[in-house]
Amino acid sequence: MANNNNQKVVPGAEEALNRMKFEIASQVGVNLKQGYNGDLTAREAGKVGGNITKQLIQMAESQLAGK
């Protein structure tokens, strides 16, 4: 059975995640634009992705702690 990793677990979350991506990119000084961003360095992409992951983990921990 094929595993589709692009399938969203929470319908409608894509827009919120996209906003988060642009907000974090702005915070860490990465110039992200709508559409293709293949001109980003691995360091820039890693900054954005790492900070998204950090924020999502913090959100999940807060929910698990009942805050």
PDB file of N, CA and C in Angstrom:
ATOM      1  N   MET A   1       0.843  -1.178   0.000  1.00  0.00           N
ATOM      2  CA  MET A   1       0.000   0.000   0.000  1.00  0.00           C
ATOM      3  C   MET A   1       0.884   1.235   0.000  1.00  0.00           C
ATOM      4  N   ALA A   2       0.608   2.190  -0.879  1.00  0.00           N
ATOM      5  CA  ALA A   2       1.414   3.406  -0.995  1.00  0.00           C
ATOM      6  C   ALA A   2       1.080   4.375   0.132  1.00  0.00           C
ATOM      7  N   ASN A   3       2.116   5.043   0.608  1.00  0.00           N
ATOM      8  CA  ASN A   3       1.951   6.038   1.664  1.00  0.00           C
ATOM      9  C   ASN A   3       2.049   7.428   1.047  1.00  0.00           C
ATOM     10  N   ASN A   4       0.978   8.208   1.144  1.00  0.00           N
ATOM     11  CA  ASN A   4       0.971   9.561   0.592  1.00  0.00           C
ATOM     12  C   ASN A   4       1.302  10.541   1.701  1.00  0.00           C
ATOM     13  N   ASN A   5       2.556  10.988   1.782  1.00  0.00           N
ATOM     14  CA  ASN A   5       2.988  11.900   2.835  1.00  0.00           C
ATOM     15  C   ASN A   5       2.454  13.312   2.652  1.00  0.00           C
ATOM     16  N   ASN A   6       1.910  13.633   1.483  1.00  0.00           N
ATOM     17  CA  ASN A   6       1.384  14.970   1.243  1.00  0.00           C
ATOM     18  C   ASN A   6      -0.074  15.110   1.653  1.00  0.00           C
ATOM     19  N   GLN A   7      -0.660  14.031   2.127  1.00  0.00           N
ATOM     20  CA  GLN A   7      -2.059  14.066   2.513  1.00  0.00           C
ATOM     21  C   GLN A   7      -2.189  14.781   3.864  1.00  0.00           C
ATOM     22  N   LYS A   8      -3.074  15.766   3.941  1.00  0.00           N
ATOM     23  CA  LYS A   8      -3.262  16.546   5.147  1.00  0.00           C
ATOM     24  C   LYS A   8      -4.075  15.761   6.163  1.00  0.00           C
ATOM     25  N   VAL A   9      -3.636  15.745   7.399  1.00  0.00           N
ATOM     26  CA  VAL A   9      -4.357  15.074   8.469  1.00  0.00           C
ATOM     27  C   VAL A   9      -5.532  15.935   8.917  1.00  0.00           C
ATOM     28  N   VAL A  10      -5.316  17.251   8.953  1.00  0.00           N
ATOM     29  CA  VAL A  10      -6.373  18.182   9.357  1.00  0.00           C
ATOM     30  C   VAL A  10      -6.779  19.005   8.139  1.00  0.00           C
ATOM     31  N   PRO A  11      -7.964  18.738   7.591  1.00  0.00           N
ATOM     32  CA  PRO A  11      -8.411  19.509   6.434  1.00  0.00           C
ATOM     33  C   PRO A  11      -8.487  21.000   6.776  1.00  0.00           C
ATOM     34  N   GLY A  12      -8.060  21.841   5.870  1.00  0.00           N
ATOM     35  CA  GLY A  12      -8.103  23.272   6.092  1.00  0.00           C
ATOM     36  C   GLY A  12      -6.881  23.836   6.794  1.00  0.00           C
ATOM     37  N   ALA A  13      -5.974  22.987   7.229  1.00  0.00           N
ATOM     38  CA  ALA A  13      -4.790  23.464   7.953  1.00  0.00           C
ATOM     39  C   ALA A  13      -3.736  24.033   7.009  1.00  0.00           C
ATOM     40  N   GLU A  14      -3.841  23.744   5.742  1.00  0.00           N
ATOM     41  CA  GLU A  14      -2.819  24.172   4.782  1.00  0.00           C
ATOM     42  C   GLU A  14      -2.657  25.697   4.764  1.00  0.00           C
ATOM     43  N   GLU A  15      -3.759  26.417   4.815  1.00  0.00           N
ATOM     44  CA  GLU A  15      -3.687  27.881   4.789  1.00  0.00           C
ATOM     45  C   GLU A  15      -2.986  28.412   6.048  1.00  0.00           C
ATOM     46  N   ALA A  16      -3.311  27.858   7.201  1.00  0.00           N
ATOM     47  CA  ALA A  16      -2.680  28.293   8.459  1.00  0.00           C
ATOM     48  C   ALA A  16      -1.186  27.975   8.447  1.00  0.00           C
ATOM     49  N   LEU A  17      -0.815  26.816   7.929  1.00  0.00           N
ATOM     50  CA  LEU A  17       0.599  26.447   7.853  1.00  0.00           C
ATOM     51  C   LEU A  17       1.352  27.351   6.881  1.00  0.00           C
ATOM     52  N   ASN A  18       0.705  27.723   5.800  1.00  0.00           N
ATOM     53  CA  ASN A  18       1.330  28.619   4.826  1.00  0.00           C
ATOM     54  C   ASN A  18       1.572  30.000   5.437  1.00  0.00           C
ATOM     55  N   ARG A  19       0.582  30.506   6.192  1.00  0.00           N
ATOM     56  CA  ARG A  19       0.757  31.787   6.879  1.00  0.00           C
ATOM     57  C   ARG A  19       1.911  31.694   7.883  1.00  0.00           C
ATOM     58  N   MET A  20       1.971  30.579   8.614  1.00  0.00           N
ATOM     59  CA  MET A  20       3.040  30.374   9.589  1.00  0.00           C
ATOM     60  C   MET A  20       4.398  30.382   8.897  1.00  0.00           C
ATOM     61  N   LYS A  21       4.486  29.740   7.748  1.00  0.00           N
ATOM     62  CA  LYS A  21       5.736  29.676   6.997  1.00  0.00           C
ATOM     63  C   LYS A  21       6.232  31.067   6.629  1.00  0.00           C
ATOM     64  N   PHE A  22       5.338  31.911   6.122  1.00  0.00           N
ATOM     65  CA  PHE A  22       5.735  33.257   5.719  1.00  0.00           C
ATOM     66  C   PHE A  22       6.063  34.126   6.929  1.00  0.00           C
ATOM     67  N   GLU A  23       5.315  33.961   8.013  1.00  0.00           N
ATOM     68  CA  GLU A  23       5.582  34.722   9.230  1.00  0.00           C
ATOM     69  C   GLU A  23       6.957  34.375   9.796  1.00  0.00           C
ATOM     70  N   ILE A  24       7.261  33.093   9.867  1.00  0.00           N
ATOM     71  CA  ILE A  24       8.555  32.653  10.397  1.00  0.00           C
ATOM     72  C   ILE A  24       9.683  33.075   9.473  1.00  0.00           C
ATOM     73  N   ALA A  25       9.492  32.953   8.174  1.00  0.00           N
ATOM     74  CA  ALA A  25      10.527  33.382   7.228  1.00  0.00           C
ATOM     75  C   ALA A  25      10.856  34.852   7.439  1.00  0.00           C
ATOM     76  N   SER A  26       9.839  35.657   7.651  1.00  0.00           N
ATOM     77  CA  SER A  26      10.050  37.082   7.894  1.00  0.00           C
ATOM     78  C   SER A  26      10.815  37.301   9.197  1.00  0.00           C
ATOM     79  N   GLN A  27      10.470  36.543  10.231  1.00  0.00           N
ATOM     80  CA  GLN A  27      11.113  36.684  11.533  1.00  0.00           C
ATOM     81  C   GLN A  27      12.600  36.336  11.491  1.00  0.00           C
ATOM     82  N   VAL A  28      12.962  35.342  10.683  1.00  0.00           N
ATOM     83  CA  VAL A  28      14.367  34.907  10.632  1.00  0.00           C
ATOM     84  C   VAL A  28      15.135  35.556   9.480  1.00  0.00           C
ATOM     85  N   GLY A  29      14.488  36.491   8.785  1.00  0.00           N
ATOM     86  CA  GLY A  29      15.176  37.252   7.751  1.00  0.00           C
ATOM     87  C   GLY A  29      15.349  36.550   6.426  1.00  0.00           C
ATOM     88  N   VAL A  30      14.452  35.613   6.118  1.00  0.00           N
ATOM     89  CA  VAL A  30      14.502  34.907   4.835  1.00  0.00           C
ATOM     90  C   VAL A  30      13.433  35.498   3.928  1.00  0.00           C
ATOM     91  N   ASN A  31      13.833  35.922   2.729  1.00  0.00           N
ATOM     92  CA  ASN A  31      12.912  36.530   1.780  1.00  0.00           C
ATOM     93  C   ASN A  31      12.191  35.434   1.002  1.00  0.00           C
ATOM     94  N   LEU A  32      11.036  35.052   1.505  1.00  0.00           N
ATOM     95  CA  LEU A  32      10.224  34.006   0.878  1.00  0.00           C
ATOM     96  C   LEU A  32       9.185  34.677   0.001  1.00  0.00           C
ATOM     97  N   LYS A  33       8.915  34.096  -1.152  1.00  0.00           N
ATOM     98  CA  LYS A  33       7.901  34.658  -2.037  1.00  0.00           C
ATOM     99  C   LYS A  33       6.880  33.581  -2.391  1.00  0.00           C
ATOM    100  N   GLN A  34       5.722  34.011  -2.860  1.00  0.00           N
ATOM    101  CA  GLN A  34       4.696  33.067  -3.290  1.00  0.00           C
ATOM    102  C   GLN A  34       5.227  32.269  -4.474  1.00  0.00           C
ATOM    103  N   GLY A  35       4.921  30.997  -4.521  1.00  0.00           N
ATOM    104  CA  GLY A  35       5.347  30.163  -5.635  1.00  0.00           C
ATOM    105  C   GLY A  35       6.714  29.551  -5.419  1.00  0.00           C
ATOM    106  N   TYR A  36       7.489  29.518  -6.473  1.00  0.00           N
ATOM    107  CA  TYR A  36       8.784  28.837  -6.494  1.00  0.00           C
ATOM    108  C   TYR A  36       9.826  29.588  -5.669  1.00  0.00           C
ATOM    109  N   ASN A  37      10.508  28.866  -4.774  1.00  0.00           N
ATOM    110  CA  ASN A  37      11.568  29.441  -3.944  1.00  0.00           C
ATOM    111  C   ASN A  37      12.847  28.629  -4.063  1.00  0.00           C
ATOM    112  N   GLY A  38      13.114  28.110  -5.247  1.00  0.00           N
ATOM    113  CA  GLY A  38      14.281  27.269  -5.467  1.00  0.00           C
ATOM    114  C   GLY A  38      15.605  28.005  -5.371  1.00  0.00           C
ATOM    115  N   ASP A  39      15.545  29.328  -5.281  1.00  0.00           N
ATOM    116  CA  ASP A  39      16.778  30.097  -5.170  1.00  0.00           C
ATOM    117  C   ASP A  39      17.250  30.245  -3.718  1.00  0.00           C
ATOM    118  N   LEU A  40      16.487  29.703  -2.767  1.00  0.00           N
ATOM    119  CA  LEU A  40      16.908  29.744  -1.367  1.00  0.00           C
ATOM    120  C   LEU A  40      18.093  28.813  -1.148  1.00  0.00           C
ATOM    121  N   THR A  41      18.969  29.210  -0.246  1.00  0.00           N
ATOM    122  CA  THR A  41      20.065  28.312   0.118  1.00  0.00           C
ATOM    123  C   THR A  41      19.523  27.253   1.072  1.00  0.00           C
ATOM    124  N   ALA A  42      20.270  26.181   1.229  1.00  0.00           N
ATOM    125  CA  ALA A  42      19.872  25.136   2.169  1.00  0.00           C
ATOM    126  C   ALA A  42      19.799  25.703   3.584  1.00  0.00           C
ATOM    127  N   ARG A  43      20.689  26.607   3.909  1.00  0.00           N
ATOM    128  CA  ARG A  43      20.694  27.233   5.236  1.00  0.00           C
ATOM    129  C   ARG A  43      19.403  28.029   5.458  1.00  0.00           C
ATOM    130  N   GLU A  44      18.995  28.805   4.453  1.00  0.00           N
ATOM    131  CA  GLU A  44      17.775  29.605   4.582  1.00  0.00           C
ATOM    132  C   GLU A  44      16.545  28.704   4.729  1.00  0.00           C
ATOM    133  N   ALA A  45      16.451  27.694   3.883  1.00  0.00           N
ATOM    134  CA  ALA A  45      15.320  26.770   3.947  1.00  0.00           C
ATOM    135  C   ALA A  45      15.305  26.040   5.286  1.00  0.00           C
ATOM    136  N   GLY A  46      16.478  25.667   5.774  1.00  0.00           N
ATOM    137  CA  GLY A  46      16.581  24.982   7.065  1.00  0.00           C
ATOM    138  C   GLY A  46      16.167  25.859   8.225  1.00  0.00           C
ATOM    139  N   LYS A  47      16.487  27.149   8.151  1.00  0.00           N
ATOM    140  CA  LYS A  47      16.059  28.092   9.191  1.00  0.00           C
ATOM    141  C   LYS A  47      14.543  28.124   9.278  1.00  0.00           C
ATOM    142  N   VAL A  48      13.910  28.234   8.129  1.00  0.00           N
ATOM    143  CA  VAL A  48      12.448  28.318   8.099  1.00  0.00           C
ATOM    144  C   VAL A  48      11.848  26.990   8.569  1.00  0.00           C
ATOM    145  N   GLY A  49      12.289  25.891   7.988  1.00  0.00           N
ATOM    146  CA  GLY A  49      11.742  24.577   8.353  1.00  0.00           C
ATOM    147  C   GLY A  49      11.987  24.224   9.806  1.00  0.00           C
ATOM    148  N   GLY A  50      13.168  24.515  10.296  1.00  0.00           N
ATOM    149  CA  GLY A  50      13.496  24.214  11.693  1.00  0.00           C
ATOM    150  C   GLY A  50      12.640  25.007  12.660  1.00  0.00           C
ATOM    151  N   ASN A  51      12.423  26.274  12.350  1.00  0.00           N
ATOM    152  CA  ASN A  51      11.597  27.105  13.222  1.00  0.00           C
ATOM    153  C   ASN A  51      10.125  26.737  13.147  1.00  0.00           C
ATOM    154  N   ILE A  52       9.652  26.301  11.984  1.00  0.00           N
ATOM    155  CA  ILE A  52       8.274  25.806  11.875  1.00  0.00           C
ATOM    156  C   ILE A  52       8.120  24.581  12.760  1.00  0.00           C
ATOM    157  N   THR A  53       9.067  23.661  12.665  1.00  0.00           N
ATOM    158  CA  THR A  53       9.011  22.448  13.475  1.00  0.00           C
ATOM    159  C   THR A  53       9.020  22.783  14.956  1.00  0.00           C
ATOM    160  N   LYS A  54       9.898  23.692  15.353  1.00  0.00           N
ATOM    161  CA  LYS A  54       9.985  24.090  16.758  1.00  0.00           C
ATOM    162  C   LYS A  54       8.654  24.655  17.246  1.00  0.00           C
ATOM    163  N   GLN A  55       8.039  25.518  16.437  1.00  0.00           N
ATOM    164  CA  GLN A  55       6.781  26.126  16.839  1.00  0.00           C
ATOM    165  C   GLN A  55       5.652  25.101  16.893  1.00  0.00           C
ATOM    166  N   LEU A  56       5.612  24.172  15.939  1.00  0.00           N
ATOM    167  CA  LEU A  56       4.571  23.139  15.952  1.00  0.00           C
ATOM    168  C   LEU A  56       4.715  22.222  17.167  1.00  0.00           C
ATOM    169  N   ILE A  57       5.948  21.913  17.546  1.00  0.00           N
ATOM    170  CA  ILE A  57       6.177  21.087  18.737  1.00  0.00           C
ATOM    171  C   ILE A  57       5.722  21.834  19.983  1.00  0.00           C
ATOM    172  N   GLN A  58       6.027  23.123  20.068  1.00  0.00           N
ATOM    173  CA  GLN A  58       5.590  23.921  21.217  1.00  0.00           C
ATOM    174  C   GLN A  58       4.066  23.960  21.307  1.00  0.00           C
ATOM    175  N   MET A  59       3.403  24.088  20.162  1.00  0.00           N
ATOM    176  CA  MET A  59       1.939  24.106  20.148  1.00  0.00           C
ATOM    177  C   MET A  59       1.383  22.765  20.619  1.00  0.00           C
ATOM    178  N   ALA A  60       1.968  21.671  20.153  1.00  0.00           N
ATOM    179  CA  ALA A  60       1.496  20.342  20.547  1.00  0.00           C
ATOM    180  C   ALA A  60       1.735  20.106  22.035  1.00  0.00           C
ATOM    181  N   GLU A  61       2.885  20.517  22.544  1.00  0.00           N
ATOM    182  CA  GLU A  61       3.175  20.346  23.966  1.00  0.00           C
ATOM    183  C   GLU A  61       2.199  21.140  24.825  1.00  0.00           C
ATOM    184  N   SER A  62       1.852  22.344  24.373  1.00  0.00           N
ATOM    185  CA  SER A  62       0.885  23.159  25.109  1.00  0.00           C
ATOM    186  C   SER A  62      -0.474  22.474  25.145  1.00  0.00           C
ATOM    187  N   GLN A  63      -0.881  21.900  24.032  1.00  0.00           N
ATOM    188  CA  GLN A  63      -2.179  21.207  23.984  1.00  0.00           C
ATOM    189  C   GLN A  63      -2.162  19.966  24.867  1.00  0.00           C
ATOM    190  N   LEU A  64      -1.071  19.239  24.847  1.00  0.00           N
ATOM    191  CA  LEU A  64      -0.981  18.032  25.667  1.00  0.00           C
ATOM    192  C   LEU A  64      -0.960  18.365  27.158  1.00  0.00           C
ATOM    193  N   ALA A  65      -0.388  19.524  27.483  1.00  0.00           N
ATOM    194  CA  ALA A  65      -0.319  19.944  28.874  1.00  0.00           C
ATOM    195  C   ALA A  65      -1.636  20.588  29.316  1.00  0.00           C
ATOM    196  N   GLY A  66      -2.551  20.791  28.372  1.00  0.00           N
ATOM    197  CA  GLY A  66      -3.848  21.353  28.694  1.00  0.00           C
ATOM    198  C   GLY A  66      -3.840  22.861  28.870  1.00  0.00           C
ATOM    199  N   LYS A  67      -2.887  23.512  28.253  1.00  0.00           N
ATOM    200  CA  LYS A  67      -2.796  24.976  28.387  1.00  0.00           C
ATOM    201  C   LYS A  67      -3.531  25.658  27.257  1.00  0.00           C
TER     202      LYS A  67
END
